[in-house]
Amino acid sequence: MKQLSFADAEYAGKRKQTRRERFLLEMDQVVPWQGLIALIEP
């Protein structure tokens, strides 16, 4: 069995980001979640 190089190992650990993951990351940046939670919590 061939040993992986550091570059190969790093590339193998990465995977393509899904549309859902990109959407959720963008929503976390756009929506003021703490303010909304503060309104709903009481």
PDB file of N, CA and C in Angstrom:
ATOM      1  N   MET A   1       0.840  -1.195   0.000  1.00  0.00           N
ATOM      2  CA  MET A   1       0.000   0.000   0.000  1.00  0.00           C
ATOM      3  C   MET A   1       0.875   1.246   0.000  1.00  0.00           C
ATOM      4  N   LYS A   2       0.515   2.214  -0.820  1.00  0.00           N
ATOM      5  CA  LYS A   2       1.277   3.452  -0.937  1.00  0.00           C
ATOM      6  C   LYS A   2       0.899   4.409   0.198  1.00  0.00           C
ATOM      7  N   GLN A   3       1.912   5.038   0.788  1.00  0.00           N
ATOM      8  CA  GLN A   3       1.675   5.989   1.868  1.00  0.00           C
ATOM      9  C   GLN A   3       1.247   7.334   1.276  1.00  0.00           C
ATOM     10  N   LEU A   4       0.272   7.972   1.913  1.00  0.00           N
ATOM     11  CA  LEU A   4      -0.210   9.271   1.435  1.00  0.00           C
ATOM     12  C   LEU A   4       0.762  10.379   1.824  1.00  0.00           C
ATOM     13  N   SER A   5       0.915  11.349   0.951  1.00  0.00           N
ATOM     14  CA  SER A   5       1.693  12.536   1.303  1.00  0.00           C
ATOM     15  C   SER A   5       0.795  13.463   2.118  1.00  0.00           C
ATOM     16  N   PHE A   6       1.402  14.468   2.726  1.00  0.00           N
ATOM     17  CA  PHE A   6       0.604  15.411   3.509  1.00  0.00           C
ATOM     18  C   PHE A   6      -0.424  16.124   2.634  1.00  0.00           C
ATOM     19  N   ALA A   7      -0.030  16.494   1.437  1.00  0.00           N
ATOM     20  CA  ALA A   7      -0.947  17.186   0.521  1.00  0.00           C
ATOM     21  C   ALA A   7      -2.111  16.271   0.141  1.00  0.00           C
ATOM     22  N   ASP A   8      -1.819  15.009  -0.132  1.00  0.00           N
ATOM     23  CA  ASP A   8      -2.887  14.059  -0.480  1.00  0.00           C
ATOM     24  C   ASP A   8      -3.839  13.853   0.693  1.00  0.00           C
ATOM     25  N   ALA A   9      -3.291  13.749   1.887  1.00  0.00           N
ATOM     26  CA  ALA A   9      -4.118  13.535   3.069  1.00  0.00           C
ATOM     27  C   ALA A   9      -5.013  14.744   3.335  1.00  0.00           C
ATOM     28  N   GLU A  10      -4.464  15.944   3.160  1.00  0.00           N
ATOM     29  CA  GLU A  10      -5.254  17.157   3.378  1.00  0.00           C
ATOM     30  C   GLU A  10      -6.380  17.262   2.355  1.00  0.00           C
ATOM     31  N   TYR A  11      -6.075  16.965   1.101  1.00  0.00           N
ATOM     32  CA  TYR A  11      -7.088  17.026   0.043  1.00  0.00           C
ATOM     33  C   TYR A  11      -8.178  15.979   0.269  1.00  0.00           C
ATOM     34  N   ALA A  12      -7.810  14.808   0.757  1.00  0.00           N
ATOM     35  CA  ALA A  12      -8.783  13.740   0.995  1.00  0.00           C
ATOM     36  C   ALA A  12      -9.747  14.130   2.108  1.00  0.00           C
ATOM     37  N   GLY A  13      -9.290  14.948   3.055  1.00  0.00           N
ATOM     38  CA  GLY A  13     -10.140  15.358   4.168  1.00  0.00           C
ATOM     39  C   GLY A  13     -11.149  16.423   3.785  1.00  0.00           C
ATOM     40  N   LYS A  14     -10.903  17.129   2.687  1.00  0.00           N
ATOM     41  CA  LYS A  14     -11.821  18.180   2.257  1.00  0.00           C
ATOM     42  C   LYS A  14     -12.924  17.565   1.408  1.00  0.00           C
ATOM     43  N   ARG A  15     -14.090  18.149   1.492  1.00  0.00           N
ATOM     44  CA  ARG A  15     -15.167  17.719   0.625  1.00  0.00           C
ATOM     45  C   ARG A  15     -15.884  18.952   0.122  1.00  0.00           C
ATOM     46  N   LYS A  16     -16.597  18.792  -0.943  1.00  0.00           N
ATOM     47  CA  LYS A  16     -17.292  19.919  -1.542  1.00  0.00           C
ATOM     48  C   LYS A  16     -18.422  20.378  -0.629  1.00  0.00           C
ATOM     49  N   GLN A  17     -18.549  21.689  -0.469  1.00  0.00           N
ATOM     50  CA  GLN A  17     -19.592  22.260   0.368  1.00  0.00           C
ATOM     51  C   GLN A  17     -20.925  22.202  -0.385  1.00  0.00           C
ATOM     52  N   THR A  18     -21.958  21.737   0.296  1.00  0.00           N
ATOM     53  CA  THR A  18     -23.263  21.611  -0.350  1.00  0.00           C
ATOM     54  C   THR A  18     -23.954  22.964  -0.436  1.00  0.00           C
ATOM     55  N   ARG A  19     -24.969  23.039  -1.286  1.00  0.00           N
ATOM     56  CA  ARG A  19     -25.750  24.281  -1.407  1.00  0.00           C
ATOM     57  C   ARG A  19     -26.419  24.617  -0.090  1.00  0.00           C
ATOM     58  N   ARG A  20     -26.881  23.588   0.621  1.00  0.00           N
ATOM     59  CA  ARG A  20     -27.534  23.805   1.920  1.00  0.00           C
ATOM     60  C   ARG A  20     -26.554  24.406   2.924  1.00  0.00           C
ATOM     61  N   GLU A  21     -25.326  23.886   2.980  1.00  0.00           N
ATOM     62  CA  GLU A  21     -24.326  24.411   3.906  1.00  0.00           C
ATOM     63  C   GLU A  21     -23.970  25.860   3.579  1.00  0.00           C
ATOM     64  N   ARG A  22     -23.819  26.170   2.268  1.00  0.00           N
ATOM     65  CA  ARG A  22     -23.532  27.553   1.876  1.00  0.00           C
ATOM     66  C   ARG A  22     -24.678  28.470   2.268  1.00  0.00           C
ATOM     67  N   PHE A  23     -25.927  28.011   2.056  1.00  0.00           N
ATOM     68  CA  PHE A  23     -27.095  28.805   2.401  1.00  0.00           C
ATOM     69  C   PHE A  23     -27.143  29.085   3.902  1.00  0.00           C
ATOM     70  N   LEU A  24     -26.917  28.067   4.713  1.00  0.00           N
ATOM     71  CA  LEU A  24     -26.979  28.252   6.160  1.00  0.00           C
ATOM     72  C   LEU A  24     -25.872  29.171   6.665  1.00  0.00           C
ATOM     73  N   LEU A  25     -24.687  29.083   6.090  1.00  0.00           N
ATOM     74  CA  LEU A  25     -23.607  29.997   6.476  1.00  0.00           C
ATOM     75  C   LEU A  25     -23.954  31.437   6.123  1.00  0.00           C
ATOM     76  N   GLU A  26     -24.554  31.623   4.947  1.00  0.00           N
ATOM     77  CA  GLU A  26     -24.955  32.973   4.539  1.00  0.00           C
ATOM     78  C   GLU A  26     -26.065  33.510   5.449  1.00  0.00           C
ATOM     79  N   MET A  27     -27.016  32.667   5.808  1.00  0.00           N
ATOM     80  CA  MET A  27     -28.098  33.099   6.692  1.00  0.00           C
ATOM     81  C   MET A  27     -27.568  33.484   8.071  1.00  0.00           C
ATOM     82  N   ASP A  28     -26.571  32.772   8.564  1.00  0.00           N
ATOM     83  CA  ASP A  28     -25.973  33.118   9.854  1.00  0.00           C
ATOM     84  C   ASP A  28     -25.337  34.501   9.806  1.00  0.00           C
ATOM     85  N   GLN A  29     -24.805  34.893   8.656  1.00  0.00           N
ATOM     86  CA  GLN A  29     -24.190  36.216   8.533  1.00  0.00           C
ATOM     87  C   GLN A  29     -25.233  37.317   8.358  1.00  0.00           C
ATOM     88  N   VAL A  30     -26.361  37.020   7.710  1.00  0.00           N
ATOM     89  CA  VAL A  30     -27.348  38.039   7.358  1.00  0.00           C
ATOM     90  C   VAL A  30     -28.371  38.279   8.465  1.00  0.00           C
ATOM     91  N   VAL A  31     -28.835  37.223   9.105  1.00  0.00           N
ATOM     92  CA  VAL A  31     -29.937  37.329  10.062  1.00  0.00           C
ATOM     93  C   VAL A  31     -29.408  37.625  11.463  1.00  0.00           C
ATOM     94  N   PRO A  32     -29.982  38.625  12.146  1.00  0.00           N
ATOM     95  CA  PRO A  32     -29.580  38.941  13.525  1.00  0.00           C
ATOM     96  C   PRO A  32     -30.236  37.968  14.525  1.00  0.00           C
ATOM     97  N   TRP A  33     -29.687  36.756  14.611  1.00  0.00           N
ATOM     98  CA  TRP A  33     -30.315  35.696  15.408  1.00  0.00           C
ATOM     99  C   TRP A  33     -30.475  36.068  16.877  1.00  0.00           C
ATOM    100  N   GLN A  34     -29.482  36.709  17.473  1.00  0.00           N
ATOM    101  CA  GLN A  34     -29.564  37.030  18.902  1.00  0.00           C
ATOM    102  C   GLN A  34     -30.733  37.971  19.191  1.00  0.00           C
ATOM    103  N   GLY A  35     -30.959  38.928  18.321  1.00  0.00           N
ATOM    104  CA  GLY A  35     -32.088  39.849  18.506  1.00  0.00           C
ATOM    105  C   GLY A  35     -33.413  39.129  18.383  1.00  0.00           C
ATOM    106  N   LEU A  36     -33.536  38.224  17.438  1.00  0.00           N
ATOM    107  CA  LEU A  36     -34.778  37.466  17.264  1.00  0.00           C
ATOM    108  C   LEU A  36     -35.035  36.515  18.436  1.00  0.00           C
ATOM    109  N   ILE A  37     -33.984  35.899  18.904  1.00  0.00           N
ATOM    110  CA  ILE A  37     -34.107  34.990  20.057  1.00  0.00           C
ATOM    111  C   ILE A  37     -34.533  35.773  21.288  1.00  0.00           C
ATOM    112  N   ALA A  38     -33.978  36.966  21.465  1.00  0.00           N
ATOM    113  CA  ALA A  38     -34.337  37.798  22.615  1.00  0.00           C
ATOM    114  C   ALA A  38     -35.815  38.182  22.574  1.00  0.00           C
ATOM    115  N   LEU A  39     -36.363  38.404  21.385  1.00  0.00           N
ATOM    116  CA  LEU A  39     -37.780  38.744  21.268  1.00  0.00           C
ATOM    117  C   LEU A  39     -38.692  37.541  21.573  1.00  0.00           C
ATOM    118  N   ILE A  40     -38.274  36.390  21.143  1.00  0.00           N
ATOM    119  CA  ILE A  40     -39.114  35.190  21.280  1.00  0.00           C
ATOM    120  C   ILE A  40     -39.001  34.554  22.653  1.00  0.00           C
ATOM    121  N   GLU A  41     -37.826  34.624  23.258  1.00  0.00           N
ATOM    122  CA  GLU A  41     -37.529  33.888  24.491  1.00  0.00           C
ATOM    123  C   GLU A  41     -38.491  34.175  25.647  1.00  0.00           C
ATOM    124  N   PRO A  42     -38.848  35.442  25.952  1.00  0.00           N
ATOM    125  CA  PRO A  42     -39.740  35.679  27.095  1.00  0.00           C
ATOM    126  C   PRO A  42     -41.113  35.075  26.824  1.00  0.00           C
TER     127      PRO A  42
END
